[in-house]
Amino acid sequence: MNIGLYSRITISDAQGRTARRGRWRKSRSFVKQFTQLLLCRMSGVSVAEVRDTGNTSRTVLTSGSNHFLINASAGMVIRGIVAGTGSTAVTISDYALDTLITHGVGAGQLEYAASSFGSNTVAGSTSSFTASRVLTNSSGASITVNEIGIYMEFVDLTTQRYFCIARDLGGGAVAHGETITIEYKISVTV
């Protein structure tokens, strides 16, 4: 494949020391909304029956200014890299994480930091960039992250819409005081 999506998860203790770092894993989780939104922007034609993260079927239009945004401010869980506790197998028709972990310090919540992005790099015949997000467990108990994904903003005329474009299974237990860093790398190879 020419375009690839990879993910890596790192869990760090309260002092910022790496407790567990996964290896980069090839993601097979772009879901149909990714290609539907790409088709809309590249063809200049509206696309019908695109499921948003609330499972509402939308017709997306090519107008609007903010498309393909996955950057998110601290606390934002409607856009960007997100985590959940669901463990249902990934399917092409997934429109959201099974069970999104919300932002906060209460039971079952994680504190979502702002998104960060690395520069585009070229190595040999591959060009890539990395998006990442740190989530901190201040809930008082351990939380098990079983799924991760990417929620994208796509402005339809003047209305912001949010779509899941990728979902993966994976993660691990995050003890109180620990952080989980979720990284996604998007690359193209010639």
Protein backbone atom coordinates (compact mmCIF):
# COMPACT_ATOMS: atom_id res chain seq x y z
CA MET A 1 0.00 0.00 0.00
CA ASN A 2 1.17 3.51 -0.78
CA ILE A 3 -0.53 5.22 2.19
CA GLY A 4 -0.06 3.80 5.67
CA LEU A 5 -1.30 4.48 9.16
CA TYR A 6 0.69 3.32 12.19
CA SER A 7 0.08 3.64 15.91
CA ARG A 8 2.21 3.43 19.04
CA ILE A 9 1.26 3.66 22.71
CA THR A 10 3.57 4.66 25.55
CA ILE A 11 2.61 4.58 29.23
CA SER A 12 4.68 6.70 31.63
CA ASP A 13 4.70 6.94 35.41
CA ALA A 14 3.91 10.08 37.43
CA GLN A 15 7.54 11.24 37.14
CA GLY A 16 7.42 11.00 33.33
CA ARG A 17 9.58 7.87 33.11
CA THR A 18 8.54 5.41 30.43
CA ALA A 19 6.93 2.39 32.07
CA ARG A 20 5.85 0.60 28.87
CA ARG A 21 6.38 1.56 25.24
CA GLY A 22 4.81 -0.36 22.41
CA ARG A 23 6.32 -0.69 18.99
CA TRP A 24 4.92 1.00 15.91
CA ARG A 25 2.05 -1.18 14.66
CA LYS A 26 0.56 -1.08 11.20
CA SER A 27 -2.99 0.10 11.56
CA ARG A 28 -5.65 -1.47 9.41
CA SER A 29 -8.27 0.84 10.74
CA PHE A 30 -9.08 3.63 8.33
CA VAL A 31 -12.86 3.36 8.24
CA LYS A 32 -15.19 4.32 5.40
CA GLN A 33 -15.69 7.93 6.55
CA PHE A 34 -12.03 8.58 5.70
CA THR A 35 -12.50 7.74 2.03
CA GLN A 36 -15.92 9.42 1.87
CA LEU A 37 -14.52 12.73 3.15
CA LEU A 38 -11.47 12.44 0.93
CA LEU A 39 -13.71 11.82 -2.09
CA CYS A 40 -15.79 14.89 -1.22
CA ARG A 41 -12.76 17.19 -1.04
CA MET A 42 -10.94 15.77 -4.04
CA SER A 43 -13.93 15.52 -6.38
CA GLY A 44 -15.71 18.73 -5.40
CA VAL A 45 -18.93 16.74 -5.20
CA SER A 46 -21.19 16.28 -2.16
CA VAL A 47 -21.19 12.80 -0.62
CA ALA A 48 -24.26 11.31 1.06
CA GLU A 49 -24.65 8.85 3.92
CA VAL A 50 -21.51 9.74 5.86
CA ARG A 51 -22.02 8.66 9.51
CA ASP A 52 -20.88 11.19 12.12
CA THR A 53 -19.70 10.19 15.60
CA GLY A 54 -23.29 10.41 16.84
CA ASN A 55 -24.38 7.86 14.20
CA THR A 56 -26.32 10.45 12.20
CA SER A 57 -26.17 10.06 8.42
CA ARG A 58 -24.90 13.31 6.86
CA THR A 59 -24.51 14.62 3.35
CA VAL A 60 -21.19 16.43 3.34
CA LEU A 61 -20.63 19.35 1.02
CA THR A 62 -17.40 20.64 -0.41
CA SER A 63 -17.85 24.17 0.90
CA GLY A 64 -16.54 25.35 4.24
CA SER A 65 -13.09 26.18 5.44
CA ASN A 66 -12.08 23.62 8.06
CA HIS A 67 -11.67 20.16 6.66
CA PHE A 68 -9.57 17.26 7.90
CA LEU A 69 -8.81 18.90 11.25
CA ILE A 70 -7.61 16.49 13.92
CA ASN A 71 -5.82 19.00 16.12
CA ALA A 72 -7.55 19.41 19.47
CA SER A 73 -7.16 21.70 22.43
CA ALA A 74 -6.82 20.35 25.97
CA GLY A 75 -10.04 18.73 27.15
CA MET A 76 -11.55 18.37 23.68
CA VAL A 77 -12.83 14.87 22.88
CA ILE A 78 -14.98 15.63 19.82
CA ARG A 79 -11.89 16.02 17.63
CA GLY A 80 -8.38 14.58 17.63
CA ILE A 81 -6.84 11.40 18.95
CA VAL A 82 -9.21 9.73 21.41
CA ALA A 83 -9.25 6.66 23.67
CA GLY A 84 -11.94 4.26 24.83
CA THR A 85 -12.66 1.15 26.84
CA GLY A 86 -14.58 -0.80 24.19
CA SER A 87 -13.17 -3.99 22.75
CA THR A 88 -15.46 -4.83 19.83
CA ALA A 89 -13.56 -5.81 16.68
CA VAL A 90 -12.93 -3.00 14.20
CA THR A 91 -15.17 -2.96 11.10
CA ILE A 92 -15.19 -0.75 8.02
CA SER A 93 -18.54 0.75 9.10
CA ASP A 94 -17.41 1.90 12.57
CA TYR A 95 -18.48 5.52 13.07
CA ALA A 96 -17.12 6.07 16.62
CA LEU A 97 -15.22 4.36 19.40
CA ASP A 98 -17.35 1.80 21.24
CA THR A 99 -16.97 3.51 24.62
CA LEU A 100 -15.23 6.88 24.54
CA ILE A 101 -13.31 7.83 27.68
CA THR A 102 -14.40 11.37 28.52
CA HIS A 103 -12.18 14.21 29.73
CA GLY A 104 -11.92 14.83 33.46
CA VAL A 105 -10.60 13.64 36.80
CA GLY A 106 -13.64 11.60 37.87
CA ALA A 107 -14.09 7.85 37.86
CA GLY A 108 -13.34 6.36 34.44
CA GLN A 109 -12.08 9.66 32.99
CA LEU A 110 -8.72 10.77 31.62
CA GLU A 111 -7.37 14.29 31.20
CA TYR A 112 -6.80 14.96 27.50
CA ALA A 113 -3.89 17.30 26.68
CA ALA A 114 -3.74 19.30 23.47
CA SER A 115 -2.71 17.53 20.28
CA SER A 116 0.83 17.85 19.01
CA PHE A 117 2.31 17.25 15.59
CA GLY A 118 5.78 16.44 14.37
CA SER A 119 7.22 17.93 11.21
CA ASN A 120 6.87 16.17 7.91
CA THR A 121 9.96 14.03 7.35
CA VAL A 122 11.32 12.21 4.33
CA ALA A 123 13.40 9.06 4.73
CA GLY A 124 14.32 7.32 1.51
CA SER A 125 11.10 7.00 -0.49
CA THR A 126 8.77 7.54 2.49
CA SER A 127 7.26 10.84 3.61
CA SER A 128 5.46 10.94 6.98
CA PHE A 129 4.31 12.98 9.96
CA THR A 130 3.22 12.03 13.46
CA ALA A 131 0.27 13.26 15.51
CA SER A 132 0.20 12.55 19.24
CA ARG A 133 -1.79 13.19 22.37
CA VAL A 134 -1.07 12.66 26.06
CA LEU A 135 -3.84 11.53 28.41
CA THR A 136 -3.31 11.63 32.18
CA ASN A 137 -5.09 9.45 34.71
CA SER A 138 -6.06 11.58 37.72
CA SER A 139 -9.20 9.55 38.46
CA GLY A 140 -7.93 7.81 41.59
CA ALA A 141 -8.14 4.31 40.02
CA SER A 142 -6.67 2.35 37.13
CA ILE A 143 -8.33 2.70 33.70
CA THR A 144 -7.84 0.20 30.91
CA VAL A 145 -7.63 1.71 27.44
CA ASN A 146 -8.74 -0.94 24.92
CA GLU A 147 -9.31 1.19 21.83
CA ILE A 148 -7.90 4.32 20.22
CA GLY A 149 -8.94 6.36 17.24
CA ILE A 150 -8.98 9.63 15.34
CA TYR A 151 -11.97 11.98 15.21
CA MET A 152 -11.85 14.53 12.40
CA GLU A 153 -13.67 17.84 11.98
CA PHE A 154 -15.24 18.54 8.61
CA VAL A 155 -17.13 21.82 8.18
CA ASP A 156 -20.28 21.43 6.11
CA LEU A 157 -21.26 24.92 4.91
CA THR A 158 -20.99 26.60 8.33
CA THR A 159 -21.75 23.58 10.52
CA GLN A 160 -18.95 21.68 12.23
CA ARG A 161 -19.34 17.92 11.91
CA TYR A 162 -17.19 15.25 13.53
CA PHE A 163 -16.34 11.90 11.98
CA CYS A 164 -14.32 8.90 13.09
CA ILE A 165 -11.73 8.20 10.41
CA ALA A 166 -9.68 5.53 12.21
CA ARG A 167 -10.22 3.07 15.06
CA ASP A 168 -7.76 0.56 16.50
CA LEU A 169 -7.79 -1.93 19.33
CA GLY A 170 -4.91 -1.66 21.76
CA GLY A 171 -3.71 0.19 24.78
CA GLY A 172 -3.30 -1.10 28.28
CA ALA A 173 -3.91 -0.38 31.94
CA VAL A 174 -3.14 3.19 33.01
CA ALA A 175 -2.72 3.47 36.78
CA HIS A 176 -3.67 6.59 38.72
CA GLY A 177 -0.94 9.18 38.13
CA GLU A 178 0.29 7.58 34.90
CA THR A 179 -0.01 9.00 31.41
CA ILE A 180 -0.70 7.30 28.11
CA THR A 181 0.73 8.84 24.95
CA ILE A 182 -1.04 7.82 21.76
CA GLU A 183 0.82 8.43 18.53
CA TYR A 184 -0.42 8.02 14.97
CA LYS A 185 1.96 8.19 12.02
CA ILE A 186 0.61 8.77 8.53
CA SER A 187 3.04 7.93 5.75
CA VAL A 188 3.20 7.56 2.01
CA THR A 189 5.80 5.48 0.21
CA VAL A 190 6.73 5.61 -3.46
